[in-house]
Amino acid sequence: MLRDGANARIAPAGELDIATAPEFEQAIAEVTRAGTAELVLDLRALTFMDSTGLRMLVQTNAQATEHGFELSIWRGSRQIDKLFAVSGLEDHLPLADAPADA
């Protein structure tokens, strides 16, 4: 997790599934409890994500709306992008390409 003032970036690596979700969820909770203006979830280092990971992204998006912080989800591999398309979530989550300088 990287923090820069009121902004934070969380970059999970490897697999985001039922086994690793609690650690990811804890990182998100720490950032949101501390107060953040912008949260970036950087998915570029993910190799696998299941429905548990998707659920967490949807919940974090709802938290952003509820608590008034900006959420960006940086796209990951083609496999992760395909999961968003198949699930129908690509039009409902704030997905973006990572900036070139990131």
PDB file of N, CA and C in Angstrom:
ATOM      1  N   MET A   1       0.844  -1.168   0.000  1.00  0.00           N
ATOM      2  CA  MET A   1       0.000   0.000   0.000  1.00  0.00           C
ATOM      3  C   MET A   1       0.889   1.230   0.000  1.00  0.00           C
ATOM      4  N   LEU A   2       0.550   2.193  -0.832  1.00  0.00           N
ATOM      5  CA  LEU A   2       1.266   3.459  -0.898  1.00  0.00           C
ATOM      6  C   LEU A   2       0.314   4.585  -0.518  1.00  0.00           C
ATOM      7  N   ARG A   3       0.770   5.479   0.334  1.00  0.00           N
ATOM      8  CA  ARG A   3      -0.038   6.648   0.715  1.00  0.00           C
ATOM      9  C   ARG A   3       0.726   7.908   0.359  1.00  0.00           C
ATOM     10  N   ASP A   4      -0.010   8.881  -0.125  1.00  0.00           N
ATOM     11  CA  ASP A   4       0.544  10.192  -0.432  1.00  0.00           C
ATOM     12  C   ASP A   4      -0.499  11.210   0.019  1.00  0.00           C
ATOM     13  N   GLY A   5      -0.368  11.645   1.258  1.00  0.00           N
ATOM     14  CA  GLY A   5      -1.367  12.553   1.812  1.00  0.00           C
ATOM     15  C   GLY A   5      -2.704  11.869   1.922  1.00  0.00           C
ATOM     16  N   ALA A   6      -3.713  12.433   1.263  1.00  0.00           N
ATOM     17  CA  ALA A   6      -5.063  11.880   1.320  1.00  0.00           C
ATOM     18  C   ALA A   6      -5.326  10.881   0.205  1.00  0.00           C
ATOM     19  N   ASN A   7      -4.288  10.531  -0.552  1.00  0.00           N
ATOM     20  CA  ASN A   7      -4.433   9.580  -1.648  1.00  0.00           C
ATOM     21  C   ASN A   7      -3.737   8.274  -1.294  1.00  0.00           C
ATOM     22  N   ALA A   8      -4.285   7.177  -1.787  1.00  0.00           N
ATOM     23  CA  ALA A   8      -3.707   5.868  -1.498  1.00  0.00           C
ATOM     24  C   ALA A   8      -3.802   4.979  -2.726  1.00  0.00           C
ATOM     25  N   ARG A   9      -2.833   4.068  -2.834  1.00  0.00           N
ATOM     26  CA  ARG A   9      -2.863   3.060  -3.895  1.00  0.00           C
ATOM     27  C   ARG A   9      -2.580   1.699  -3.265  1.00  0.00           C
ATOM     28  N   ILE A  10      -3.443   0.751  -3.578  1.00  0.00           N
ATOM     29  CA  ILE A  10      -3.277  -0.620  -3.121  1.00  0.00           C
ATOM     30  C   ILE A  10      -3.053  -1.467  -4.369  1.00  0.00           C
ATOM     31  N   ALA A  11      -1.988  -2.266  -4.350  1.00  0.00           N
ATOM     32  CA  ALA A  11      -1.619  -3.057  -5.520  1.00  0.00           C
ATOM     33  C   ALA A  11      -1.469  -4.529  -5.131  1.00  0.00           C
ATOM     34  N   PRO A  12      -2.562  -5.283  -5.148  1.00  0.00           N
ATOM     35  CA  PRO A  12      -2.451  -6.706  -4.832  1.00  0.00           C
ATOM     36  C   PRO A  12      -1.656  -7.420  -5.924  1.00  0.00           C
ATOM     37  N   ALA A  13      -0.943  -8.464  -5.534  1.00  0.00           N
ATOM     38  CA  ALA A  13      -0.140  -9.223  -6.494  1.00  0.00           C
ATOM     39  C   ALA A  13      -0.488 -10.700  -6.392  1.00  0.00           C
ATOM     40  N   GLY A  14      -0.325 -11.402  -7.478  1.00  0.00           N
ATOM     41  CA  GLY A  14      -0.615 -12.837  -7.485  1.00  0.00           C
ATOM     42  C   GLY A  14      -2.096 -13.093  -7.652  1.00  0.00           C
ATOM     43  N   GLU A  15      -2.675 -13.787  -6.695  1.00  0.00           N
ATOM     44  CA  GLU A  15      -4.078 -14.177  -6.782  1.00  0.00           C
ATOM     45  C   GLU A  15      -4.937 -13.381  -5.792  1.00  0.00           C
ATOM     46  N   LEU A  16      -6.102 -12.976  -6.265  1.00  0.00           N
ATOM     47  CA  LEU A  16      -7.095 -12.344  -5.395  1.00  0.00           C
ATOM     48  C   LEU A  16      -8.303 -13.268  -5.408  1.00  0.00           C
ATOM     49  N   ASP A  17      -8.397 -14.058  -4.349  1.00  0.00           N
ATOM     50  CA  ASP A  17      -9.460 -15.052  -4.261  1.00  0.00           C
ATOM     51  C   ASP A  17      -9.891 -15.197  -2.810  1.00  0.00           C
ATOM     52  N   ILE A  18     -10.654 -16.208  -2.530  1.00  0.00           N
ATOM     53  CA  ILE A  18     -11.191 -16.385  -1.178  1.00  0.00           C
ATOM     54  C   ILE A  18     -10.083 -16.509  -0.129  1.00  0.00           C
ATOM     55  N   ALA A  19      -8.938 -17.033  -0.518  1.00  0.00           N
ATOM     56  CA  ALA A  19      -7.837 -17.209   0.440  1.00  0.00           C
ATOM     57  C   ALA A  19      -7.106 -15.903   0.731  1.00  0.00           C
ATOM     58  N   THR A  20      -7.009 -15.024  -0.241  1.00  0.00           N
ATOM     59  CA  THR A  20      -6.242 -13.787  -0.069  1.00  0.00           C
ATOM     60  C   THR A  20      -7.119 -12.559   0.163  1.00  0.00           C
ATOM     61  N   ALA A  21      -8.413 -12.711  -0.001  1.00  0.00           N
ATOM     62  CA  ALA A  21      -9.333 -11.580   0.128  1.00  0.00           C
ATOM     63  C   ALA A  21      -9.270 -10.876   1.484  1.00  0.00           C
ATOM     64  N   PRO A  22      -9.136 -11.595   2.603  1.00  0.00           N
ATOM     65  CA  PRO A  22      -9.104 -10.887   3.890  1.00  0.00           C
ATOM     66  C   PRO A  22      -7.975  -9.864   4.000  1.00  0.00           C
ATOM     67  N   GLU A  23      -6.815 -10.177   3.469  1.00  0.00           N
ATOM     68  CA  GLU A  23      -5.695  -9.235   3.514  1.00  0.00           C
ATOM     69  C   GLU A  23      -5.994  -7.992   2.668  1.00  0.00           C
ATOM     70  N   PHE A  24      -6.567  -8.202   1.495  1.00  0.00           N
ATOM     71  CA  PHE A  24      -6.943  -7.097   0.611  1.00  0.00           C
ATOM     72  C   PHE A  24      -8.027  -6.245   1.263  1.00  0.00           C
ATOM     73  N   GLU A  25      -9.000  -6.903   1.855  1.00  0.00           N
ATOM     74  CA  GLU A  25     -10.105  -6.218   2.528  1.00  0.00           C
ATOM     75  C   GLU A  25      -9.584  -5.374   3.702  1.00  0.00           C
ATOM     76  N   GLN A  26      -8.626  -5.916   4.437  1.00  0.00           N
ATOM     77  CA  GLN A  26      -8.039  -5.185   5.557  1.00  0.00           C
ATOM     78  C   GLN A  26      -7.303  -3.933   5.073  1.00  0.00           C
ATOM     79  N   ALA A  27      -6.565  -4.052   3.985  1.00  0.00           N
ATOM     80  CA  ALA A  27      -5.852  -2.895   3.439  1.00  0.00           C
ATOM     81  C   ALA A  27      -6.827  -1.801   3.019  1.00  0.00           C
ATOM     82  N   ILE A  28      -7.921  -2.187   2.387  1.00  0.00           N
ATOM     83  CA  ILE A  28      -8.937  -1.214   1.980  1.00  0.00           C
ATOM     84  C   ILE A  28      -9.558  -0.565   3.207  1.00  0.00           C
ATOM     85  N   ALA A  29      -9.871  -1.349   4.225  1.00  0.00           N
ATOM     86  CA  ALA A  29     -10.465  -0.814   5.454  1.00  0.00           C
ATOM     87  C   ALA A  29      -9.532   0.180   6.132  1.00  0.00           C
ATOM     88  N   GLU A  30      -8.242  -0.134   6.196  1.00  0.00           N
ATOM     89  CA  GLU A  30      -7.279   0.776   6.821  1.00  0.00           C
ATOM     90  C   GLU A  30      -7.247   2.119   6.108  1.00  0.00           C
ATOM     91  N   VAL A  31      -7.241   2.076   4.798  1.00  0.00           N
ATOM     92  CA  VAL A  31      -7.185   3.304   4.006  1.00  0.00           C
ATOM     93  C   VAL A  31      -8.461   4.120   4.175  1.00  0.00           C
ATOM     94  N   THR A  32      -9.598   3.459   4.110  1.00  0.00           N
ATOM     95  CA  THR A  32     -10.850   4.207   4.201  1.00  0.00           C
ATOM     96  C   THR A  32     -11.102   4.735   5.606  1.00  0.00           C
ATOM     97  N   ARG A  33     -10.669   3.989   6.631  1.00  0.00           N
ATOM     98  CA  ARG A  33     -10.816   4.492   8.011  1.00  0.00           C
ATOM     99  C   ARG A  33      -9.937   5.706   8.254  1.00  0.00           C
ATOM    100  N   ALA A  34      -8.771   5.718   7.642  1.00  0.00           N
ATOM    101  CA  ALA A  34      -7.833   6.824   7.827  1.00  0.00           C
ATOM    102  C   ALA A  34      -8.288   8.075   7.085  1.00  0.00           C
ATOM    103  N   GLY A  35      -9.283   7.936   6.257  1.00  0.00           N
ATOM    104  CA  GLY A  35      -9.768   9.072   5.476  1.00  0.00           C
ATOM    105  C   GLY A  35      -8.917   9.231   4.234  1.00  0.00           C
ATOM    106  N   THR A  36      -9.548   9.078   3.106  1.00  0.00           N
ATOM    107  CA  THR A  36      -8.834   9.212   1.848  1.00  0.00           C
ATOM    108  C   THR A  36      -9.699   9.979   0.874  1.00  0.00           C
ATOM    109  N   ALA A  37      -9.058  10.791   0.055  1.00  0.00           N
ATOM    110  CA  ALA A  37      -9.776  11.522  -0.981  1.00  0.00           C
ATOM    111  C   ALA A  37      -9.848  10.690  -2.258  1.00  0.00           C
ATOM    112  N   GLU A  38      -8.767   9.940  -2.511  1.00  0.00           N
ATOM    113  CA  GLU A  38      -8.711   9.114  -3.711  1.00  0.00           C
ATOM    114  C   GLU A  38      -8.040   7.788  -3.394  1.00  0.00           C
ATOM    115  N   LEU A  39      -8.654   6.706  -3.850  1.00  0.00           N
ATOM    116  CA  LEU A  39      -8.110   5.371  -3.695  1.00  0.00           C
ATOM    117  C   LEU A  39      -7.963   4.748  -5.070  1.00  0.00           C
ATOM    118  N   VAL A  40      -6.765   4.271  -5.358  1.00  0.00           N
ATOM    119  CA  VAL A  40      -6.497   3.548  -6.594  1.00  0.00           C
ATOM    120  C   VAL A  40      -6.257   2.090  -6.238  1.00  0.00           C
ATOM    121  N   LEU A  41      -6.979   1.208  -6.896  1.00  0.00           N
ATOM    122  CA  LEU A  41      -6.734  -0.225  -6.782  1.00  0.00           C
ATOM    123  C   LEU A  41      -6.019  -0.637  -8.063  1.00  0.00           C
ATOM    124  N   ASP A  42      -4.746  -0.936  -7.930  1.00  0.00           N
ATOM    125  CA  ASP A  42      -3.873  -1.228  -9.064  1.00  0.00           C
ATOM    126  C   ASP A  42      -3.827  -2.741  -9.268  1.00  0.00           C
ATOM    127  N   LEU A  43      -4.491  -3.228 -10.309  1.00  0.00           N
ATOM    128  CA  LEU A  43      -4.622  -4.665 -10.537  1.00  0.00           C
ATOM    129  C   LEU A  43      -3.574  -5.221 -11.504  1.00  0.00           C
ATOM    130  N   ARG A  44      -2.580  -4.439 -11.864  1.00  0.00           N
ATOM    131  CA  ARG A  44      -1.618  -4.868 -12.884  1.00  0.00           C
ATOM    132  C   ARG A  44      -0.803  -6.089 -12.483  1.00  0.00           C
ATOM    133  N   ALA A  45      -0.588  -6.332 -11.200  1.00  0.00           N
ATOM    134  CA  ALA A  45       0.230  -7.466 -10.768  1.00  0.00           C
ATOM    135  C   ALA A  45      -0.598  -8.707 -10.439  1.00  0.00           C
ATOM    136  N   LEU A  46      -1.910  -8.650 -10.663  1.00  0.00           N
ATOM    137  CA  LEU A  46      -2.749  -9.828 -10.415  1.00  0.00           C
ATOM    138  C   LEU A  46      -2.600 -10.830 -11.544  1.00  0.00           C
ATOM    139  N   THR A  47      -2.512 -12.104 -11.176  1.00  0.00           N
ATOM    140  CA  THR A  47      -2.477 -13.178 -12.160  1.00  0.00           C
ATOM    141  C   THR A  47      -3.795 -13.933 -12.208  1.00  0.00           C
ATOM    142  N   PHE A  48      -4.605 -13.785 -11.146  1.00  0.00           N
ATOM    143  CA  PHE A  48      -5.878 -14.499 -11.060  1.00  0.00           C
ATOM    144  C   PHE A  48      -6.799 -13.741 -10.119  1.00  0.00           C
ATOM    145  N   MET A  49      -8.085 -13.723 -10.470  1.00  0.00           N
ATOM    146  CA  MET A  49      -9.087 -13.157  -9.577  1.00  0.00           C
ATOM    147  C   MET A  49     -10.366 -13.962  -9.768  1.00  0.00           C
ATOM    148  N   ASP A  50     -11.021 -14.279  -8.646  1.00  0.00           N
ATOM    149  CA  ASP A  50     -12.281 -15.015  -8.728  1.00  0.00           C
ATOM    150  C   ASP A  50     -13.437 -14.100  -8.326  1.00  0.00           C
ATOM    151  N   SER A  51     -14.599 -14.691  -8.129  1.00  0.00           N
ATOM    152  CA  SER A  51     -15.790 -13.902  -7.795  1.00  0.00           C
ATOM    153  C   SER A  51     -15.654 -13.187  -6.457  1.00  0.00           C
ATOM    154  N   THR A  52     -14.828 -13.714  -5.569  1.00  0.00           N
ATOM    155  CA  THR A  52     -14.590 -13.034  -4.288  1.00  0.00           C
ATOM    156  C   THR A  52     -13.931 -11.687  -4.539  1.00  0.00           C
ATOM    157  N   GLY A  53     -12.957 -11.658  -5.418  1.00  0.00           N
ATOM    158  CA  GLY A  53     -12.288 -10.401  -5.772  1.00  0.00           C
ATOM    159  C   GLY A  53     -13.253  -9.435  -6.440  1.00  0.00           C
ATOM    160  N   LEU A  54     -14.075  -9.938  -7.341  1.00  0.00           N
ATOM    161  CA  LEU A  54     -15.068  -9.080  -7.991  1.00  0.00           C
ATOM    162  C   LEU A  54     -16.013  -8.470  -6.965  1.00  0.00           C
ATOM    163  N   ARG A  55     -16.463  -9.303  -6.028  1.00  0.00           N
ATOM    164  CA  ARG A  55     -17.380  -8.810  -4.980  1.00  0.00           C
ATOM    165  C   ARG A  55     -16.725  -7.691  -4.183  1.00  0.00           C
ATOM    166  N   MET A  56     -15.455  -7.858  -3.868  1.00  0.00           N
ATOM    167  CA  MET A  56     -14.752  -6.838  -3.092  1.00  0.00           C
ATOM    168  C   MET A  56     -14.639  -5.526  -3.866  1.00  0.00           C
ATOM    169  N   LEU A  57     -14.415  -5.601  -5.158  1.00  0.00           N
ATOM    170  CA  LEU A  57     -14.330  -4.387  -5.974  1.00  0.00           C
ATOM    171  C   LEU A  57     -15.679  -3.680  -6.033  1.00  0.00           C
ATOM    172  N   VAL A  58     -16.744  -4.452  -6.163  1.00  0.00           N
ATOM    173  CA  VAL A  58     -18.092  -3.869  -6.175  1.00  0.00           C
ATOM    174  C   VAL A  58     -18.385  -3.213  -4.822  1.00  0.00           C
ATOM    175  N   GLN A  59     -18.034  -3.881  -3.733  1.00  0.00           N
ATOM    176  CA  GLN A  59     -18.258  -3.315  -2.400  1.00  0.00           C
ATOM    177  C   GLN A  59     -17.432  -2.038  -2.190  1.00  0.00           C
ATOM    178  N   THR A  60     -16.204  -2.041  -2.653  1.00  0.00           N
ATOM    179  CA  THR A  60     -15.364  -0.854  -2.500  1.00  0.00           C
ATOM    180  C   THR A  60     -15.920   0.300  -3.318  1.00  0.00           C
ATOM    181  N   ASN A  61     -16.456   0.000  -4.492  1.00  0.00           N
ATOM    182  CA  ASN A  61     -17.089   1.036  -5.306  1.00  0.00           C
ATOM    183  C   ASN A  61     -18.290   1.636  -4.574  1.00  0.00           C
ATOM    184  N   ALA A  62     -19.071   0.792  -3.924  1.00  0.00           N
ATOM    185  CA  ALA A  62     -20.224   1.269  -3.148  1.00  0.00           C
ATOM    186  C   ALA A  62     -19.759   2.115  -1.957  1.00  0.00           C
ATOM    187  N   GLN A  63     -18.673   1.703  -1.308  1.00  0.00           N
ATOM    188  CA  GLN A  63     -18.122   2.479  -0.189  1.00  0.00           C
ATOM    189  C   GLN A  63     -17.664   3.858  -0.663  1.00  0.00           C
ATOM    190  N   ALA A  64     -17.067   3.914  -1.845  1.00  0.00           N
ATOM    191  CA  ALA A  64     -16.602   5.196  -2.378  1.00  0.00           C
ATOM    192  C   ALA A  64     -17.776   6.153  -2.553  1.00  0.00           C
ATOM    193  N   THR A  65     -18.866   5.640  -3.081  1.00  0.00           N
ATOM    194  CA  THR A  65     -20.058   6.467  -3.253  1.00  0.00           C
ATOM    195  C   THR A  65     -20.616   6.902  -1.903  1.00  0.00           C
ATOM    196  N   GLU A  66     -20.685   5.964  -0.983  1.00  0.00           N
ATOM    197  CA  GLU A  66     -21.257   6.232   0.334  1.00  0.00           C
ATOM    198  C   GLU A  66     -20.408   7.194   1.164  1.00  0.00           C
ATOM    199  N   HIS A  67     -19.090   7.031   1.109  1.00  0.00           N
ATOM    200  CA  HIS A  67     -18.202   7.812   1.971  1.00  0.00           C
ATOM    201  C   HIS A  67     -17.534   9.001   1.267  1.00  0.00           C
ATOM    202  N   GLY A  68     -17.794   9.151  -0.016  1.00  0.00           N
ATOM    203  CA  GLY A  68     -17.347  10.339  -0.732  1.00  0.00           C
ATOM    204  C   GLY A  68     -15.878  10.385  -1.110  1.00  0.00           C
ATOM    205  N   PHE A  69     -15.272   9.244  -1.393  1.00  0.00           N
ATOM    206  CA  PHE A  69     -13.918   9.286  -1.929  1.00  0.00           C
ATOM    207  C   PHE A  69     -13.938   8.796  -3.375  1.00  0.00           C
ATOM    208  N   GLU A  70     -12.938   9.217  -4.128  1.00  0.00           N
ATOM    209  CA  GLU A  70     -12.846   8.827  -5.532  1.00  0.00           C
ATOM    210  C   GLU A  70     -12.120   7.486  -5.639  1.00  0.00           C
ATOM    211  N   LEU A  71     -12.685   6.583  -6.423  1.00  0.00           N
ATOM    212  CA  LEU A  71     -12.095   5.265  -6.635  1.00  0.00           C
ATOM    213  C   LEU A  71     -11.726   5.105  -8.090  1.00  0.00           C
ATOM    214  N   SER A  72     -10.512   4.629  -8.331  1.00  0.00           N
ATOM    215  CA  SER A  72     -10.069   4.243  -9.669  1.00  0.00           C
ATOM    216  C   SER A  72      -9.533   2.823  -9.577  1.00  0.00           C
ATOM    217  N   ILE A  73      -9.879   2.015 -10.547  1.00  0.00           N
ATOM    218  CA  ILE A  73      -9.375   0.649 -10.612  1.00  0.00           C
ATOM    219  C   ILE A  73      -8.547   0.539 -11.885  1.00  0.00           C
ATOM    220  N   TRP A  74      -7.228   0.397 -11.691  1.00  0.00           N
ATOM    221  CA  TRP A  74      -6.344   0.278 -12.845  1.00  0.00           C
ATOM    222  C   TRP A  74      -6.410  -1.130 -13.386  1.00  0.00           C
ATOM    223  N   ARG A  75      -6.643  -1.228 -14.660  1.00  0.00           N
ATOM    224  CA  ARG A  75      -6.796  -2.513 -15.332  1.00  0.00           C
ATOM    225  C   ARG A  75      -5.570  -3.400 -15.157  1.00  0.00           C
ATOM    226  N   GLY A  76      -5.842  -4.704 -15.130  1.00  0.00           N
ATOM    227  CA  GLY A  76      -4.776  -5.690 -15.015  1.00  0.00           C
ATOM    228  C   GLY A  76      -4.536  -6.394 -16.333  1.00  0.00           C
ATOM    229  N   SER A  77      -4.211  -7.646 -16.251  1.00  0.00           N
ATOM    230  CA  SER A  77      -3.908  -8.460 -17.431  1.00  0.00           C
ATOM    231  C   SER A  77      -5.162  -8.660 -18.286  1.00  0.00           C
ATOM    232  N   ARG A  78      -4.945  -9.214 -19.439  1.00  0.00           N
ATOM    233  CA  ARG A  78      -6.060  -9.507 -20.344  1.00  0.00           C
ATOM    234  C   ARG A  78      -7.041 -10.481 -19.679  1.00  0.00           C
ATOM    235  N   GLN A  79      -6.509 -11.423 -18.907  1.00  0.00           N
ATOM    236  CA  GLN A  79      -7.355 -12.402 -18.209  1.00  0.00           C
ATOM    237  C   GLN A  79      -8.265 -11.707 -17.193  1.00  0.00           C
ATOM    238  N   ILE A  80      -7.729 -10.740 -16.470  1.00  0.00           N
ATOM    239  CA  ILE A  80      -8.525  -9.996 -15.488  1.00  0.00           C
ATOM    240  C   ILE A  80      -9.562  -9.137 -16.208  1.00  0.00           C
ATOM    241  N   ASP A  81      -9.170  -8.490 -17.304  1.00  0.00           N
ATOM    242  CA  ASP A  81     -10.118  -7.689 -18.088  1.00  0.00           C
ATOM    243  C   ASP A  81     -11.267  -8.551 -18.612  1.00  0.00           C
ATOM    244  N   LYS A  82     -10.945  -9.763 -19.032  1.00  0.00           N
ATOM    245  CA  LYS A  82     -11.973 -10.665 -19.545  1.00  0.00           C
ATOM    246  C   LYS A  82     -12.984 -11.007 -18.455  1.00  0.00           C
ATOM    247  N   LEU A  83     -12.513 -11.151 -17.242  1.00  0.00           N
ATOM    248  CA  LEU A  83     -13.405 -11.426 -16.119  1.00  0.00           C
ATOM    249  C   LEU A  83     -14.417 -10.290 -15.924  1.00  0.00           C
ATOM    250  N   PHE A  84     -13.953  -9.040 -16.063  1.00  0.00           N
ATOM    251  CA  PHE A  84     -14.878  -7.903 -15.963  1.00  0.00           C
ATOM    252  C   PHE A  84     -15.912  -7.949 -17.077  1.00  0.00           C
ATOM    253  N   ALA A  85     -15.477  -8.280 -18.288  1.00  0.00           N
ATOM    254  CA  ALA A  85     -16.396  -8.331 -19.426  1.00  0.00           C
ATOM    255  C   ALA A  85     -17.429  -9.440 -19.252  1.00  0.00           C
ATOM    256  N   VAL A  86     -16.973 -10.635 -18.884  1.00  0.00           N
ATOM    257  CA  VAL A  86     -17.867 -11.782 -18.732  1.00  0.00           C
ATOM    258  C   VAL A  86     -18.876 -11.552 -17.610  1.00  0.00           C
ATOM    259  N   SER A  87     -18.427 -10.900 -16.538  1.00  0.00           N
ATOM    260  CA  SER A  87     -19.314 -10.661 -15.394  1.00  0.00           C
ATOM    261  C   SER A  87     -20.277  -9.501 -15.636  1.00  0.00           C
ATOM    262  N   GLY A  88     -20.026  -8.712 -16.672  1.00  0.00           N
ATOM    263  CA  GLY A  88     -20.869  -7.556 -16.945  1.00  0.00           C
ATOM    264  C   GLY A  88     -20.536  -6.345 -16.085  1.00  0.00           C
ATOM    265  N   LEU A  89     -19.415  -6.395 -15.387  1.00  0.00           N
ATOM    266  CA  LEU A  89     -19.068  -5.300 -14.467  1.00  0.00           C
ATOM    267  C   LEU A  89     -18.227  -4.198 -15.096  1.00  0.00           C
ATOM    268  N   GLU A  90     -17.731  -4.406 -16.309  1.00  0.00           N
ATOM    269  CA  GLU A  90     -16.832  -3.414 -16.876  1.00  0.00           C
ATOM    270  C   GLU A  90     -17.491  -2.045 -17.057  1.00  0.00           C
ATOM    271  N   ASP A  91     -18.792  -2.017 -17.211  1.00  0.00           N
ATOM    272  CA  ASP A  91     -19.498  -0.739 -17.360  1.00  0.00           C
ATOM    273  C   ASP A  91     -19.985  -0.171 -16.029  1.00  0.00           C
ATOM    274  N   HIS A  92     -19.752  -0.905 -14.928  1.00  0.00           N
ATOM    275  CA  HIS A  92     -20.260  -0.486 -13.624  1.00  0.00           C
ATOM    276  C   HIS A  92     -19.163  -0.155 -12.622  1.00  0.00           C
ATOM    277  N   LEU A  93     -17.921  -0.359 -13.007  1.00  0.00           N
ATOM    278  CA  LEU A  93     -16.793  -0.064 -12.124  1.00  0.00           C
ATOM    279  C   LEU A  93     -15.920   1.010 -12.778  1.00  0.00           C
ATOM    280  N   PRO A  94     -15.252   1.822 -11.978  1.00  0.00           N
ATOM    281  CA  PRO A  94     -14.406   2.892 -12.526  1.00  0.00           C
ATOM    282  C   PRO A  94     -13.046   2.369 -12.999  1.00  0.00           C
ATOM    283  N   LEU A  95     -13.091   1.568 -14.090  1.00  0.00           N
ATOM    284  CA  LEU A  95     -11.871   0.981 -14.637  1.00  0.00           C
ATOM    285  C   LEU A  95     -11.131   2.004 -15.493  1.00  0.00           C
ATOM    286  N   ALA A  96      -9.813   1.983 -15.373  1.00  0.00           N
ATOM    287  CA  ALA A  96      -8.982   2.910 -16.144  1.00  0.00           C
ATOM    288  C   ALA A  96      -7.640   2.257 -16.408  1.00  0.00           C
ATOM    289  N   ASP A  97      -6.980   2.700 -17.446  1.00  0.00           N
ATOM    290  CA  ASP A  97      -5.609   2.259 -17.689  1.00  0.00           C
ATOM    291  C   ASP A  97      -4.698   3.034 -16.753  1.00  0.00           C
ATOM    292  N   ALA A  98      -3.648   2.374 -16.291  1.00  0.00           N
ATOM    293  CA  ALA A  98      -2.682   3.041 -15.430  1.00  0.00           C
ATOM    294  C   ALA A  98      -1.968   4.119 -16.229  1.00  0.00           C
ATOM    295  N   PRO A  99      -1.667   5.250 -15.605  1.00  0.00           N
ATOM    296  CA  PRO A  99      -0.906   6.286 -16.313  1.00  0.00           C
ATOM    297  C   PRO A  99       0.462   5.755 -16.734  1.00  0.00           C
ATOM    298  N   ALA A 100       0.997   6.303 -17.782  1.00  0.00           N
ATOM    299  CA  ALA A 100       2.283   5.859 -18.307  1.00  0.00           C
ATOM    300  C   ALA A 100       3.412   6.012 -17.296  1.00  0.00           C
ATOM    301  N   ASP A 101       3.292   6.981 -16.400  1.00  0.00           N
ATOM    302  CA  ASP A 101       4.358   7.244 -15.432  1.00  0.00           C
ATOM    303  C   ASP A 101       4.187   6.485 -14.117  1.00  0.00           C
ATOM    304  N   ALA A 102       3.195   5.587 -14.053  1.00  0.00           N
ATOM    305  CA  ALA A 102       2.933   4.848 -12.811  1.00  0.00           C
ATOM    306  C   ALA A 102       3.791   3.613 -12.702  1.00  0.00           C
TER     307      ALA A 102
END
